[in-house]
C-alpha cells in the first residue's frame, strides 16, 4: 500500500463522470472488452480462462477477497482514461492540487530558530508545477519516498516560505509520521 500513490489515484477518481462497475460480472465484462478477450483477463488476474467465462455469464457472482481486490484495482486503473488524463492535465497546468495532511513536520534552519518537529494538520493548495511533478513521478513508477520528498519540497515553498516572503534561509523540510493524507484536484 502506498499512501501517496493511493492518495493521488483517489483524487483523480473523484473526477470520474460515471461510477465504475460494482458487480464481479460487470467488472469482468468490462475487462474482457478492454483487453480483447477472456484469456488476457485470465492472465492479468491469475485465474483460469474458464473462471473468467463463468463470471462473464454471471454463473459465479462472488469472488474470493483477493480476487475481488485485484479485479477492482484493475478496473479502476482502466476506467475513463480520457477523464483521468484531463483531470491530471488541468491540475498540472492551471488548477494545482490541494494536500490535506496530518503529519510530523520540522525543518532544518540556522541556529537559533525553533526547528523542532511537531504534529501539524495542514490543508495547503499547491501550485500546478508541484501537481505536475507528483503526477509525472507517479507515472514514472516512483515510490512513496520520492512522492513524499516532492510533497515536502512543495510544503517548504508554499507553507513554510510562503512563496519566498519569509524563512528564506530554510534548508530542508522533514515530513514524516503521516497520520492522514488526502489530495484533491
Foldseek 3Di string as FASTA:
>chain_A
DAQLLVQVLVQLVVLDPDDFDDWQLSLLVVVCVVVVHLVVVCVQLVHDSVVSVCSVVVVDTDDDPSSSVSSVVVRSVPPPPVSSVVVLVCCLPPQPKKKWWWFWKFFDFDPPDPGDTDTDTDIFGFHNNLSNVLVVCVVVPHGNVVSVQSVQVRCCCCPVCVNVVDDPRIDGMDTDPIPDIHMHD
